[in-house]
Amino acid sequence: MGLQKNITVLIKEEKKANLSIEQFRSKKDWLSLSNAINQLSEIRESLKSFAKNGRVRIIDTNEAMNTVEGSGRYLLRPPLVGRDASLLHNSLKERGFASLVVCREPKTKLGLCPVVSLGSGVTVRVQVEEPSNKDQPTCAWFDYALGELGQHVLDMTDKQDGLERQLDYLIAHFPSISSYKVAYQKAALICGLIQEAKD
């Protein structure tokens, strides 16, 4: 099976896993929900491996956004915004490409670099150190920024009142931190805790 076909199969499986998560959550079938979350995590781990192809591509115009082809890491910057990152990620997915996409905002007065990602009706924003070369950010810097977004979501999850609220918070944020495995592990763990409380 060719690389592109592998990715296409994974994207179809990802869509099915997302539908399963919606269905099992609405039925409050915690065990099946936990399994579906773990399955989604595995699928996205595989997609992440295809996206990590050795460099970070910068996109900063609508023209460039409309001509992007291929799997990879993409960093959007002004005048593009977080919503553009989400649109690009979805567009690449529809065309059978695996991508990790994040948007950076203008440097703050403190010299930090805000990075932003969109989820299901939610926005995640954190401030990280500027890349040493803002025109050629390293893969290590990009992956660090993604990790900080994921950790921020976990920190905010702990502030939600009650296990079901925590679970829903995580599920809503999965699209914005799709490559952050710890979030899926936490969600699956919460499913188990809810089930234990019901037994």
Foldseek 3Di string as FASTA:
>chain_A
DDPLVVLLVLLVLLVVLLVQLVVCLVVLVLLSNLVSLVSNLVSLQVLVVLQDPWFEAEDEDPVCLVPDAAHYEYEYEPPDDQVSQVVSCVVRVVVRYRYHYKYWYDQDPVQWIKIWHAFQPDIFIDTHHQAPDNNGRGPVVVVVNLQVSVVVLVVVLVVDDDLSRSLVSLSRCCRRNVNHSVSSVVNSVSSVVVVVVVD
